[in-house]
PDB file of N, CA and C in Angstrom:
ATOM      1  N   ASP A   1       0.843  -1.170   0.000  1.00  0.00           N
ATOM      2  CA  ASP A   1       0.000   0.000   0.000  1.00  0.00           C
ATOM      3  C   ASP A   1       0.895   1.243   0.000  1.00  0.00           C
ATOM      4  N   LYS A   2       0.672   2.117  -0.971  1.00  0.00           N
ATOM      5  CA  LYS A   2       1.535   3.290  -1.140  1.00  0.00           C
ATOM      6  C   LYS A   2       1.467   4.246   0.049  1.00  0.00           C
ATOM      7  N   ALA A   3       0.284   4.438   0.608  1.00  0.00           N
ATOM      8  CA  ALA A   3       0.142   5.360   1.740  1.00  0.00           C
ATOM      9  C   ALA A   3       0.904   4.852   2.962  1.00  0.00           C
ATOM     10  N   THR A   4       0.822   3.570   3.220  1.00  0.00           N
ATOM     11  CA  THR A   4       1.537   2.975   4.354  1.00  0.00           C
ATOM     12  C   THR A   4       3.040   3.131   4.170  1.00  0.00           C
ATOM     13  N   ALA A   5       3.523   2.791   2.986  1.00  0.00           N
ATOM     14  CA  ALA A   5       4.955   2.906   2.693  1.00  0.00           C
ATOM     15  C   ALA A   5       5.415   4.355   2.813  1.00  0.00           C
ATOM     16  N   ALA A   6       4.601   5.288   2.340  1.00  0.00           N
ATOM     17  CA  ALA A   6       4.956   6.707   2.412  1.00  0.00           C
ATOM     18  C   ALA A   6       5.039   7.178   3.862  1.00  0.00           C
ATOM     19  N   LEU A   7       4.110   6.739   4.699  1.00  0.00           N
ATOM     20  CA  LEU A   7       4.136   7.122   6.110  1.00  0.00           C
ATOM     21  C   LEU A   7       5.399   6.606   6.791  1.00  0.00           C
ATOM     22  N   VAL A   8       5.693   5.325   6.611  1.00  0.00           N
ATOM     23  CA  VAL A   8       6.875   4.730   7.240  1.00  0.00           C
ATOM     24  C   VAL A   8       8.146   5.411   6.729  1.00  0.00           C
ATOM     25  N   LYS A   9       8.229   5.624   5.423  1.00  0.00           N
ATOM     26  CA  LYS A   9       9.408   6.264   4.832  1.00  0.00           C
ATOM     27  C   LYS A   9       9.592   7.681   5.371  1.00  0.00           C
ATOM     28  N   ASP A  10       8.510   8.437   5.438  1.00  0.00           N
ATOM     29  CA  ASP A  10       8.575   9.811   5.922  1.00  0.00           C
ATOM     30  C   ASP A  10       9.018   9.867   7.389  1.00  0.00           C
ATOM     31  N   LEU A  11       8.421   9.021   8.221  1.00  0.00           N
ATOM     32  CA  LEU A  11       8.802   8.990   9.638  1.00  0.00           C
ATOM     33  C   LEU A  11      10.268   8.593   9.805  1.00  0.00           C
ATOM     34  N   LYS A  12      10.711   7.636   8.997  1.00  0.00           N
ATOM     35  CA  LYS A  12      12.108   7.182   9.074  1.00  0.00           C
ATOM     36  C   LYS A  12      13.064   8.296   8.654  1.00  0.00           C
ATOM     37  N   GLU A  13      12.749   8.977   7.536  1.00  0.00           N
ATOM     38  CA  GLU A  13      13.608  10.056   7.044  1.00  0.00           C
ATOM     39  C   GLU A  13      13.713  11.199   8.052  1.00  0.00           C
ATOM     40  N   ARG A  14      12.648  11.449   8.796  1.00  0.00           N
ATOM     41  CA  ARG A  14      12.640  12.533   9.784  1.00  0.00           C
ATOM     42  C   ARG A  14      13.191  12.105  11.142  1.00  0.00           C
ATOM     43  N   GLY A  15      13.555  10.824  11.272  1.00  0.00           N
ATOM     44  CA  GLY A  15      14.065  10.326  12.543  1.00  0.00           C
ATOM     45  C   GLY A  15      12.983  10.128  13.590  1.00  0.00           C
ATOM     46  N   LEU A  16      11.743  10.010  13.160  1.00  0.00           N
ATOM     47  CA  LEU A  16      10.618   9.870  14.088  1.00  0.00           C
ATOM     48  C   LEU A  16      10.120   8.437  14.227  1.00  0.00           C
ATOM     49  N   LEU A  17      10.539   7.552  13.337  1.00  0.00           N
ATOM     50  CA  LEU A  17      10.017   6.184  13.352  1.00  0.00           C
ATOM     51  C   LEU A  17      10.396   5.446  14.630  1.00  0.00           C
ATOM     52  N   GLU A  18      11.588   5.709  15.152  1.00  0.00           N
ATOM     53  CA  GLU A  18      12.026   5.008  16.365  1.00  0.00           C
ATOM     54  C   GLU A  18      11.191   5.385  17.590  1.00  0.00           C
ATOM     55  N   ASP A  19      10.497   6.523  17.530  1.00  0.00           N
ATOM     56  CA  ASP A  19       9.661   6.964  18.652  1.00  0.00           C
ATOM     57  C   ASP A  19       8.168   6.866  18.364  1.00  0.00           C
ATOM     58  N   THR A  20       7.812   6.349  17.208  1.00  0.00           N
ATOM     59  CA  THR A  20       6.404   6.268  16.806  1.00  0.00           C
ATOM     60  C   THR A  20       6.011   4.814  16.612  1.00  0.00           C
ATOM     61  N   LEU A  21       4.961   4.388  17.283  1.00  0.00           N
ATOM     62  CA  LEU A  21       4.444   3.026  17.126  1.00  0.00           C
ATOM     63  C   LEU A  21       3.263   3.071  16.165  1.00  0.00           C
ATOM     64  N   ILE A  22       3.403   2.383  15.048  1.00  0.00           N
ATOM     65  CA  ILE A  22       2.336   2.326  14.041  1.00  0.00           C
ATOM     66  C   ILE A  22       1.681   0.956  14.123  1.00  0.00           C
ATOM     67  N   ILE A  23       0.358   0.952  14.198  1.00  0.00           N
ATOM     68  CA  ILE A  23      -0.386  -0.309  14.296  1.00  0.00           C
ATOM     69  C   ILE A  23      -1.577  -0.259  13.355  1.00  0.00           C
ATOM     70  N   TRP A  24      -1.688  -1.280  12.505  1.00  0.00           N
ATOM     71  CA  TRP A  24      -2.872  -1.467  11.683  1.00  0.00           C
ATOM     72  C   TRP A  24      -3.478  -2.796  12.089  1.00  0.00           C
ATOM     73  N   GLY A  25      -4.753  -2.802  12.381  1.00  0.00           N
ATOM     74  CA  GLY A  25      -5.403  -4.056  12.755  1.00  0.00           C
ATOM     75  C   GLY A  25      -6.797  -3.805  13.289  1.00  0.00           C
ATOM     76  N   GLY A  26      -7.368  -4.832  13.841  1.00  0.00           N
ATOM     77  CA  GLY A  26      -8.690  -4.746  14.445  1.00  0.00           C
ATOM     78  C   GLY A  26      -8.785  -5.723  15.587  1.00  0.00           C
ATOM     79  N   GLU A  27      -9.901  -5.710  16.258  1.00  0.00           N
ATOM     80  CA  GLU A  27     -10.053  -6.585  17.416  1.00  0.00           C
ATOM     81  C   GLU A  27     -10.536  -7.980  17.055  1.00  0.00           C
ATOM     82  N   PHE A  28     -10.792  -8.226  15.793  1.00  0.00           N
ATOM     83  CA  PHE A  28     -11.181  -9.567  15.362  1.00  0.00           C
ATOM     84  C   PHE A  28     -10.866  -9.741  13.885  1.00  0.00           C
ATOM     85  N   GLY A  29     -10.806 -10.999  13.469  1.00  0.00           N
ATOM     86  CA  GLY A  29     -10.622 -11.309  12.062  1.00  0.00           C
ATOM     87  C   GLY A  29     -11.967 -11.666  11.438  1.00  0.00           C
ATOM     88  N   ARG A  30     -11.926 -12.343  10.341  1.00  0.00           N
ATOM     89  CA  ARG A  30     -13.140 -12.826   9.663  1.00  0.00           C
ATOM     90  C   ARG A  30     -13.040 -14.334   9.514  1.00  0.00           C
ATOM     91  N   THR A  31     -14.171 -14.998   9.630  1.00  0.00           N
ATOM     92  CA  THR A  31     -14.170 -16.450   9.474  1.00  0.00           C
ATOM     93  C   THR A  31     -13.708 -16.799   8.061  1.00  0.00           C
ATOM     94  N   PRO A  32     -13.053 -17.942   7.884  1.00  0.00           N
ATOM     95  CA  PRO A  32     -12.541 -18.298   6.565  1.00  0.00           C
ATOM     96  C   PRO A  32     -13.621 -18.757   5.594  1.00  0.00           C
ATOM     97  N   MET A  33     -14.832 -19.015   6.092  1.00  0.00           N
ATOM     98  CA  MET A  33     -15.892 -19.483   5.202  1.00  0.00           C
ATOM     99  C   MET A  33     -17.059 -18.495   5.175  1.00  0.00           C
ATOM    100  N   ALA A  34     -17.739 -18.439   4.031  1.00  0.00           N
ATOM    101  CA  ALA A  34     -18.913 -17.575   3.893  1.00  0.00           C
ATOM    102  C   ALA A  34     -20.070 -18.166   4.683  1.00  0.00           C
ATOM    103  N   GLN A  35     -20.811 -17.274   5.342  1.00  0.00           N
ATOM    104  CA  GLN A  35     -21.970 -17.698   6.120  1.00  0.00           C
ATOM    105  C   GLN A  35     -23.151 -16.820   5.721  1.00  0.00           C
ATOM    106  N   GLY A  36     -24.001 -17.317   4.888  1.00  0.00           N
ATOM    107  CA  GLY A  36     -25.157 -16.534   4.454  1.00  0.00           C
ATOM    108  C   GLY A  36     -24.729 -15.366   3.587  1.00  0.00           C
ATOM    109  N   SER A  37     -24.852 -14.147   4.133  1.00  0.00           N
ATOM    110  CA  SER A  37     -24.574 -12.948   3.343  1.00  0.00           C
ATOM    111  C   SER A  37     -23.114 -12.484   3.420  1.00  0.00           C
ATOM    112  N   GLY A  38     -22.262 -13.254   4.059  1.00  0.00           N
ATOM    113  CA  GLY A  38     -20.855 -12.848   4.133  1.00  0.00           C
ATOM    114  C   GLY A  38     -20.097 -13.641   5.169  1.00  0.00           C
ATOM    115  N   ARG A  39     -18.995 -13.090   5.598  1.00  0.00           N
ATOM    116  CA  ARG A  39     -18.171 -13.752   6.608  1.00  0.00           C
ATOM    117  C   ARG A  39     -18.391 -13.077   7.953  1.00  0.00           C
ATOM    118  N   ASP A  40     -18.418 -13.876   9.000  1.00  0.00           N
ATOM    119  CA  ASP A  40     -18.730 -13.388  10.339  1.00  0.00           C
ATOM    120  C   ASP A  40     -17.465 -12.961  11.083  1.00  0.00           C
ATOM    121  N   HIS A  41     -17.660 -12.293  12.228  1.00  0.00           N
ATOM    122  CA  HIS A  41     -16.543 -11.960  13.110  1.00  0.00           C
ATOM    123  C   HIS A  41     -15.870 -13.246  13.570  1.00  0.00           C
ATOM    124  N   HIS A  42     -14.560 -13.188  13.720  1.00  0.00           N
ATOM    125  CA  HIS A  42     -13.807 -14.372  14.126  1.00  0.00           C
ATOM    126  C   HIS A  42     -12.764 -13.948  15.155  1.00  0.00           C
ATOM    127  N   ILE A  43     -13.011 -14.271  16.428  1.00  0.00           N
ATOM    128  CA  ILE A  43     -12.119 -13.827  17.495  1.00  0.00           C
ATOM    129  C   ILE A  43     -10.912 -14.733  17.682  1.00  0.00           C
ATOM    130  N   GLN A  44     -10.885 -15.873  17.041  1.00  0.00           N
ATOM    131  CA  GLN A  44      -9.792 -16.826  17.231  1.00  0.00           C
ATOM    132  C   GLN A  44      -8.547 -16.487  16.420  1.00  0.00           C
ATOM    133  N   ALA A  45      -8.700 -15.744  15.345  1.00  0.00           N
ATOM    134  CA  ALA A  45      -7.549 -15.429  14.495  1.00  0.00           C
ATOM    135  C   ALA A  45      -7.738 -14.049  13.872  1.00  0.00           C
ATOM    136  N   PHE A  46      -6.716 -13.218  14.018  1.00  0.00           N
ATOM    137  CA  PHE A  46      -6.761 -11.889  13.433  1.00  0.00           C
ATOM    138  C   PHE A  46      -5.344 -11.463  13.078  1.00  0.00           C
ATOM    139  N   SER A  47      -5.227 -10.460  12.239  1.00  0.00           N
ATOM    140  CA  SER A  47      -3.913  -9.980  11.804  1.00  0.00           C
ATOM    141  C   SER A  47      -3.686  -8.562  12.300  1.00  0.00           C
ATOM    142  N   VAL A  48      -2.453  -8.279  12.641  1.00  0.00           N
ATOM    143  CA  VAL A  48      -2.044  -6.939  13.051  1.00  0.00           C
ATOM    144  C   VAL A  48      -0.707  -6.659  12.383  1.00  0.00           C
ATOM    145  N   TRP A  49      -0.546  -5.452  11.895  1.00  0.00           N
ATOM    146  CA  TRP A  49       0.717  -5.020  11.300  1.00  0.00           C
ATOM    147  C   TRP A  49       1.281  -3.922  12.183  1.00  0.00           C
ATOM    148  N   MET A  50       2.553  -4.045  12.559  1.00  0.00           N
ATOM    149  CA  MET A  50       3.185  -3.066  13.443  1.00  0.00           C
ATOM    150  C   MET A  50       4.523  -2.622  12.862  1.00  0.00           C
ATOM    151  N   ALA A  51       4.880  -1.367  13.147  1.00  0.00           N
ATOM    152  CA  ALA A  51       6.172  -0.839  12.706  1.00  0.00           C
ATOM    153  C   ALA A  51       6.620   0.251  13.669  1.00  0.00           C
ATOM    154  N   GLY A  52       7.927   0.529  13.637  1.00  0.00           N
ATOM    155  CA  GLY A  52       8.479   1.604  14.451  1.00  0.00           C
ATOM    156  C   GLY A  52       8.638   1.216  15.906  1.00  0.00           C
ATOM    157  N   ALA A  53       9.058   2.177  16.727  1.00  0.00           N
ATOM    158  CA  ALA A  53       9.153   2.064  18.192  1.00  0.00           C
ATOM    159  C   ALA A  53       9.720   0.729  18.673  1.00  0.00           C
ATOM    160  N   GLY A  54      10.777   0.265  18.030  1.00  0.00           N
ATOM    161  CA  GLY A  54      11.431  -0.957  18.493  1.00  0.00           C
ATOM    162  C   GLY A  54      10.797  -2.249  18.034  1.00  0.00           C
ATOM    163  N   ILE A  55       9.930  -2.203  17.033  1.00  0.00           N
ATOM    164  CA  ILE A  55       9.348  -3.420  16.461  1.00  0.00           C
ATOM    165  C   ILE A  55      10.335  -3.977  15.434  1.00  0.00           C
ATOM    166  N   LYS A  56      10.549  -5.275  15.451  1.00  0.00           N
ATOM    167  CA  LYS A  56      11.475  -5.939  14.533  1.00  0.00           C
ATOM    168  C   LYS A  56      10.908  -5.883  13.112  1.00  0.00           C
ATOM    169  N   GLY A  57      11.624  -5.256  12.205  1.00  0.00           N
ATOM    170  CA  GLY A  57      11.182  -5.150  10.823  1.00  0.00           C
ATOM    171  C   GLY A  57      11.178  -6.487  10.106  1.00  0.00           C
ATOM    172  N   GLY A  58      10.174  -6.730   9.291  1.00  0.00           N
ATOM    173  CA  GLY A  58      10.099  -7.941   8.487  1.00  0.00           C
ATOM    174  C   GLY A  58       9.746  -9.200   9.242  1.00  0.00           C
ATOM    175  N   ALA A  59       9.409  -9.083  10.506  1.00  0.00           N
ATOM    176  CA  ALA A  59       9.089 -10.267  11.315  1.00  0.00           C
ATOM    177  C   ALA A  59       7.639 -10.689  11.119  1.00  0.00           C
ATOM    178  N   SER A  60       7.406 -11.961  11.256  1.00  0.00           N
ATOM    179  CA  SER A  60       6.059 -12.525  11.224  1.00  0.00           C
ATOM    180  C   SER A  60       5.944 -13.444  12.428  1.00  0.00           C
ATOM    181  N   TRP A  61       4.806 -13.393  13.131  1.00  0.00           N
ATOM    182  CA  TRP A  61       4.658 -14.192  14.342  1.00  0.00           C
ATOM    183  C   TRP A  61       3.281 -14.831  14.355  1.00  0.00           C
ATOM    184  N   GLY A  62       3.240 -16.104  14.674  1.00  0.00           N
ATOM    185  CA  GLY A  62       1.978 -16.830  14.773  1.00  0.00           C
ATOM    186  C   GLY A  62       1.524 -17.385  13.436  1.00  0.00           C
ATOM    187  N   ALA A  63       0.630 -18.359  13.519  1.00  0.00           N
ATOM    188  CA  ALA A  63       0.095 -18.975  12.303  1.00  0.00           C
ATOM    189  C   ALA A  63      -1.231 -19.651  12.625  1.00  0.00           C
ATOM    190  N   THR A  64      -2.071 -19.735  11.608  1.00  0.00           N
ATOM    191  CA  THR A  64      -3.329 -20.465  11.748  1.00  0.00           C
ATOM    192  C   THR A  64      -3.219 -21.802  11.028  1.00  0.00           C
ATOM    193  N   ASP A  65      -4.241 -22.612  11.197  1.00  0.00           N
ATOM    194  CA  ASP A  65      -4.290 -23.876  10.463  1.00  0.00           C
ATOM    195  C   ASP A  65      -4.512 -23.592   8.979  1.00  0.00           C
ATOM    196  N   GLU A  66      -4.543 -24.638   8.171  1.00  0.00           N
ATOM    197  CA  GLU A  66      -4.655 -24.455   6.714  1.00  0.00           C
ATOM    198  C   GLU A  66      -5.947 -23.767   6.285  1.00  0.00           C
ATOM    199  N   LEU A  67      -6.984 -23.803   7.126  1.00  0.00           N
ATOM    200  CA  LEU A  67      -8.243 -23.128   6.804  1.00  0.00           C
ATOM    201  C   LEU A  67      -8.274 -21.679   7.276  1.00  0.00           C
ATOM    202  N   GLY A  68      -7.319 -21.294   8.125  1.00  0.00           N
ATOM    203  CA  GLY A  68      -7.346 -19.957   8.699  1.00  0.00           C
ATOM    204  C   GLY A  68      -8.376 -19.840   9.808  1.00  0.00           C
ATOM    205  N   TYR A  69      -8.720 -20.977  10.415  1.00  0.00           N
ATOM    206  CA  TYR A  69      -9.775 -20.984  11.429  1.00  0.00           C
ATOM    207  C   TYR A  69      -9.233 -20.975  12.853  1.00  0.00           C
ATOM    208  N   ALA A  70      -8.233 -21.788  13.143  1.00  0.00           N
ATOM    209  CA  ALA A  70      -7.721 -21.918  14.510  1.00  0.00           C
ATOM    210  C   ALA A  70      -6.229 -21.596  14.551  1.00  0.00           C
ATOM    211  N   VAL A  71      -5.780 -21.113  15.694  1.00  0.00           N
ATOM    212  CA  VAL A  71      -4.358 -20.829  15.866  1.00  0.00           C
ATOM    213  C   VAL A  71      -3.587 -22.142  15.866  1.00  0.00           C
ATOM    214  N   ALA A  72      -2.566 -22.230  15.028  1.00  0.00           N
ATOM    215  CA  ALA A  72      -1.754 -23.443  14.936  1.00  0.00           C
ATOM    216  C   ALA A  72      -0.463 -23.317  15.750  1.00  0.00           C
ATOM    217  N   LYS A  73       0.060 -22.085  15.854  1.00  0.00           N
ATOM    218  CA  LYS A  73       1.276 -21.899  16.662  1.00  0.00           C
ATOM    219  C   LYS A  73       1.408 -20.440  17.084  1.00  0.00           C
ATOM    220  N   ASP A  74       2.072 -20.248  18.211  1.00  0.00           N
ATOM    221  CA  ASP A  74       2.414 -18.924  18.735  1.00  0.00           C
ATOM    222  C   ASP A  74       1.200 -18.008  18.910  1.00  0.00           C
ATOM    223  N   HIS A  75       0.243 -18.473  19.689  1.00  0.00           N
ATOM    224  CA  HIS A  75      -0.974 -17.703  19.978  1.00  0.00           C
ATOM    225  C   HIS A  75      -0.638 -16.381  20.672  1.00  0.00           C
ATOM    226  N   VAL A  76      -1.260 -15.310  20.234  1.00  0.00           N
ATOM    227  CA  VAL A  76      -1.144 -13.997  20.868  1.00  0.00           C
ATOM    228  C   VAL A  76      -2.556 -13.499  21.121  1.00  0.00           C
ATOM    229  N   SER A  77      -2.881 -13.247  22.378  1.00  0.00           N
ATOM    230  CA  SER A  77      -4.208 -12.720  22.708  1.00  0.00           C
ATOM    231  C   SER A  77      -4.212 -11.203  22.526  1.00  0.00           C
ATOM    232  N   VAL A  78      -5.394 -10.612  22.527  1.00  0.00           N
ATOM    233  CA  VAL A  78      -5.504  -9.156  22.460  1.00  0.00           C
ATOM    234  C   VAL A  78      -4.806  -8.541  23.675  1.00  0.00           C
ATOM    235  N   HIS A  79      -4.907  -9.195  24.831  1.00  0.00           N
ATOM    236  CA  HIS A  79      -4.236  -8.696  26.037  1.00  0.00           C
ATOM    237  C   HIS A  79      -2.716  -8.729  25.877  1.00  0.00           C
ATOM    238  N   ASP A  80      -2.190  -9.772  25.223  1.00  0.00           N
ATOM    239  CA  ASP A  80      -0.750  -9.842  24.940  1.00  0.00           C
ATOM    240  C   ASP A  80      -0.336  -8.702  24.003  1.00  0.00           C
ATOM    241  N   LEU A  81      -1.155  -8.453  22.999  1.00  0.00           N
ATOM    242  CA  LEU A  81      -0.885  -7.359  22.063  1.00  0.00           C
ATOM    243  C   LEU A  81      -0.851  -6.034  22.814  1.00  0.00           C
ATOM    244  N   HIS A  82      -1.836  -5.811  23.684  1.00  0.00           N
ATOM    245  CA  HIS A  82      -1.874  -4.569  24.467  1.00  0.00           C
ATOM    246  C   HIS A  82      -0.645  -4.440  25.366  1.00  0.00           C
ATOM    247  N   ALA A  83      -0.247  -5.531  26.020  1.00  0.00           N
ATOM    248  CA  ALA A  83       0.936  -5.505  26.888  1.00  0.00           C
ATOM    249  C   ALA A  83       2.182  -5.138  26.083  1.00  0.00           C
ATOM    250  N   THR A  84       2.295  -5.680  24.880  1.00  0.00           N
ATOM    251  CA  THR A  84       3.440  -5.400  24.010  1.00  0.00           C
ATOM    252  C   THR A  84       3.439  -3.941  23.565  1.00  0.00           C
ATOM    253  N   MET A  85       2.272  -3.447  23.173  1.00  0.00           N
ATOM    254  CA  MET A  85       2.155  -2.048  22.759  1.00  0.00           C
ATOM    255  C   MET A  85       2.526  -1.113  23.907  1.00  0.00           C
ATOM    256  N   LEU A  86       1.989  -1.381  25.095  1.00  0.00           N
ATOM    257  CA  LEU A  86       2.274  -0.532  26.253  1.00  0.00           C
ATOM    258  C   LEU A  86       3.763  -0.533  26.591  1.00  0.00           C
ATOM    259  N   LYS A  87       4.407  -1.700  26.493  1.00  0.00           N
ATOM    260  CA  LYS A  87       5.855  -1.764  26.762  1.00  0.00           C
ATOM    261  C   LYS A  87       6.614  -0.845  25.819  1.00  0.00           C
ATOM    262  N   GLN A  88       6.252  -0.878  24.543  1.00  0.00           N
ATOM    263  CA  GLN A  88       6.944  -0.051  23.562  1.00  0.00           C
ATOM    264  C   GLN A  88       6.656   1.434  23.763  1.00  0.00           C
ATOM    265  N   LEU A  89       5.588   1.740  24.480  1.00  0.00           N
ATOM    266  CA  LEU A  89       5.273   3.133  24.807  1.00  0.00           C
ATOM    267  C   LEU A  89       5.861   3.536  26.158  1.00  0.00           C
ATOM    268  N   GLY A  90       6.617   2.610  26.775  1.00  0.00           N
ATOM    269  CA  GLY A  90       7.269   2.906  28.040  1.00  0.00           C
ATOM    270  C   GLY A  90       6.382   2.755  29.260  1.00  0.00           C
ATOM    271  N   ILE A  91       5.295   1.993  29.126  1.00  0.00           N
ATOM    272  CA  ILE A  91       4.340   1.814  30.222  1.00  0.00           C
ATOM    273  C   ILE A  91       4.346   0.361  30.671  1.00  0.00           C
ATOM    274  N   ASN A  92       4.489   0.137  31.960  1.00  0.00           N
ATOM    275  CA  ASN A  92       4.429  -1.204  32.535  1.00  0.00           C
ATOM    276  C   ASN A  92       2.960  -1.601  32.662  1.00  0.00           C
ATOM    277  N   HIS A  93       2.526  -2.558  31.865  1.00  0.00           N
ATOM    278  CA  HIS A  93       1.108  -2.930  31.845  1.00  0.00           C
ATOM    279  C   HIS A  93       0.644  -3.523  33.166  1.00  0.00           C
ATOM    280  N   GLU A  94       1.542  -4.066  33.954  1.00  0.00           N
ATOM    281  CA  GLU A  94       1.149  -4.643  35.244  1.00  0.00           C
ATOM    282  C   GLU A  94       0.951  -3.570  36.312  1.00  0.00           C
ATOM    283  N   ARG A  95       1.535  -2.410  36.106  1.00  0.00           N
ATOM    284  CA  ARG A  95       1.383  -1.317  37.070  1.00  0.00           C
ATOM    285  C   ARG A  95       0.300  -0.341  36.659  1.00  0.00           C
ATOM    286  N   LEU A  96      -0.095  -0.352  35.384  1.00  0.00           N
ATOM    287  CA  LEU A  96      -1.147   0.548  34.908  1.00  0.00           C
ATOM    288  C   LEU A  96      -2.492  -0.002  35.380  1.00  0.00           C
ATOM    289  N   THR A  97      -2.880   0.394  36.571  1.00  0.00           N
ATOM    290  CA  THR A  97      -4.078  -0.141  37.213  1.00  0.00           C
ATOM    291  C   THR A  97      -4.932   1.014  37.703  1.00  0.00           C
ATOM    292  N   TYR A  98      -6.243   0.877  37.568  1.00  0.00           N
ATOM    293  CA  TYR A  98      -7.137   1.880  38.157  1.00  0.00           C
ATOM    294  C   TYR A  98      -8.190   1.165  38.991  1.00  0.00           C
ATOM    295  N   ARG A  99      -8.609   1.830  40.043  1.00  0.00           N
ATOM    296  CA  ARG A  99      -9.569   1.264  40.979  1.00  0.00           C
ATOM    297  C   ARG A  99     -10.959   1.775  40.635  1.00  0.00           C
ATOM    298  N   PHE A 100     -11.911   0.843  40.536  1.00  0.00           N
ATOM    299  CA  PHE A 100     -13.304   1.191  40.263  1.00  0.00           C
ATOM    300  C   PHE A 100     -14.196   0.280  41.091  1.00  0.00           C
ATOM    301  N   GLN A 101     -15.022   0.870  41.917  1.00  0.00           N
ATOM    302  CA  GLN A 101     -15.949   0.140  42.785  1.00  0.00           C
ATOM    303  C   GLN A 101     -15.244  -0.969  43.571  1.00  0.00           C
ATOM    304  N   GLY A 102     -14.071  -0.635  44.106  1.00  0.00           N
ATOM    305  CA  GLY A 102     -13.344  -1.564  44.960  1.00  0.00           C
ATOM    306  C   GLY A 102     -12.529  -2.618  44.236  1.00  0.00           C
ATOM    307  N   LEU A 103     -12.504  -2.581  42.910  1.00  0.00           N
ATOM    308  CA  LEU A 103     -11.744  -3.569  42.140  1.00  0.00           C
ATOM    309  C   LEU A 103     -10.614  -2.892  41.376  1.00  0.00           C
ATOM    310  N   ASP A 104      -9.505  -3.599  41.243  1.00  0.00           N
ATOM    311  CA  ASP A 104      -8.391  -3.108  40.438  1.00  0.00           C
ATOM    312  C   ASP A 104      -8.540  -3.621  39.010  1.00  0.00           C
ATOM    313  N   PHE A 105      -8.510  -2.705  38.051  1.00  0.00           N
ATOM    314  CA  PHE A 105      -8.643  -3.055  36.638  1.00  0.00           C
ATOM    315  C   PHE A 105      -7.358  -2.710  35.906  1.00  0.00           C
ATOM    316  N   ARG A 106      -7.040  -3.529  34.907  1.00  0.00           N
ATOM    317  CA  ARG A 106      -5.898  -3.280  34.030  1.00  0.00           C
ATOM    318  C   ARG A 106      -6.377  -3.259  32.590  1.00  0.00           C
ATOM    319  N   LEU A 107      -5.678  -2.504  31.784  1.00  0.00           N
ATOM    320  CA  LEU A 107      -5.979  -2.482  30.361  1.00  0.00           C
ATOM    321  C   LEU A 107      -5.791  -3.855  29.743  1.00  0.00           C
ATOM    322  N   THR A 108      -4.867  -4.621  30.309  1.00  0.00           N
ATOM    323  CA  THR A 108      -4.576  -5.947  29.771  1.00  0.00           C
ATOM    324  C   THR A 108      -5.430  -7.036  30.416  1.00  0.00           C
ATOM    325  N   GLY A 109      -6.421  -6.674  31.218  1.00  0.00           N
ATOM    326  CA  GLY A 109      -7.351  -7.650  31.782  1.00  0.00           C
ATOM    327  C   GLY A 109      -6.853  -8.278  33.069  1.00  0.00           C
ATOM    328  N   VAL A 110      -7.633  -9.215  33.580  1.00  0.00           N
ATOM    329  CA  VAL A 110      -7.306  -9.852  34.856  1.00  0.00           C
ATOM    330  C   VAL A 110      -6.408 -11.078  34.675  1.00  0.00           C
ATOM    331  N   GLU A 111      -6.422 -11.671  33.492  1.00  0.00           N
ATOM    332  CA  GLU A 111      -5.550 -12.814  33.229  1.00  0.00           C
ATOM    333  C   GLU A 111      -4.137 -12.323  32.921  1.00  0.00           C
ATOM    334  N   LYS A 112      -3.162 -13.182  33.111  1.00  0.00           N
ATOM    335  CA  LYS A 112      -1.766 -12.827  32.869  1.00  0.00           C
ATOM    336  C   LYS A 112      -1.558 -12.516  31.388  1.00  0.00           C
ATOM    337  N   ALA A 113      -1.075 -11.317  31.100  1.00  0.00           N
ATOM    338  CA  ALA A 113      -0.753 -10.928  29.724  1.00  0.00           C
ATOM    339  C   ALA A 113       0.753 -11.054  29.532  1.00  0.00           C
ATOM    340  N   ARG A 114       1.146 -11.427  28.326  1.00  0.00           N
ATOM    341  CA  ARG A 114       2.556 -11.662  28.006  1.00  0.00           C
ATOM    342  C   ARG A 114       3.024 -10.646  26.972  1.00  0.00           C
ATOM    343  N   ILE A 115       4.168 -10.056  27.215  1.00  0.00           N
ATOM    344  CA  ILE A 115       4.783  -9.194  26.210  1.00  0.00           C
ATOM    345  C   ILE A 115       5.386 -10.106  25.149  1.00  0.00           C
ATOM    346  N   VAL A 116       5.052  -9.871  23.894  1.00  0.00           N
ATOM    347  CA  VAL A 116       5.537 -10.709  22.790  1.00  0.00           C
ATOM    348  C   VAL A 116       6.934 -10.213  22.404  1.00  0.00           C
ATOM    349  N   GLU A 117       7.923 -10.658  23.159  1.00  0.00           N
ATOM    350  CA  GLU A 117       9.312 -10.227  22.966  1.00  0.00           C
ATOM    351  C   GLU A 117       9.846 -10.602  21.589  1.00  0.00           C
ATOM    352  N   GLU A 118       9.306 -11.641  20.998  1.00  0.00           N
ATOM    353  CA  GLU A 118       9.813 -12.151  19.711  1.00  0.00           C
ATOM    354  C   GLU A 118       9.634 -11.155  18.564  1.00  0.00           C
ATOM    355  N   VAL A 119       8.743 -10.189  18.690  1.00  0.00           N
ATOM    356  CA  VAL A 119       8.552  -9.209  17.617  1.00  0.00           C
ATOM    357  C   VAL A 119       9.293  -7.904  17.891  1.00  0.00           C
ATOM    358  N   LEU A 120      10.011  -7.861  19.015  1.00  0.00           N
ATOM    359  CA  LEU A 120      10.727  -6.643  19.386  1.00  0.00           C
ATOM    360  C   LEU A 120      12.175  -6.698  18.917  1.00  0.00           C
ATOM    361  N   ALA A 121      12.668  -5.563  18.463  1.00  0.00           N
ATOM    362  CA  ALA A 121      14.052  -5.474  17.969  1.00  0.00           C
ATOM    363  C   ALA A 121      15.041  -5.483  19.123  1.00  0.00           C
TER     364      ALA A 121
END
């Protein structure tokens, strides 16, 4: 995509790419098969593209089965993605907590989130 390449190139030329985290993605993918009038939301597999801010260039992480339906290796949850993003922004996701009605909440949820070190430079 020309616009994406232009953004990355411009940020790199200006010396801003190392301090800018670029993320393209969504909170869900699409099912690999048509269902009635189209494809449905699919929370088991989704794609995210990241660049800058210490992200390893040209890296690919995770894979689905041959149908694109289930994770086959290197599962990354949305909470793991958030933990990784926050780390690259200089924020400790385990300390970023707010209290609401007597409960402590985190952006990365109540389950243990993992920083995906394998995609970091």
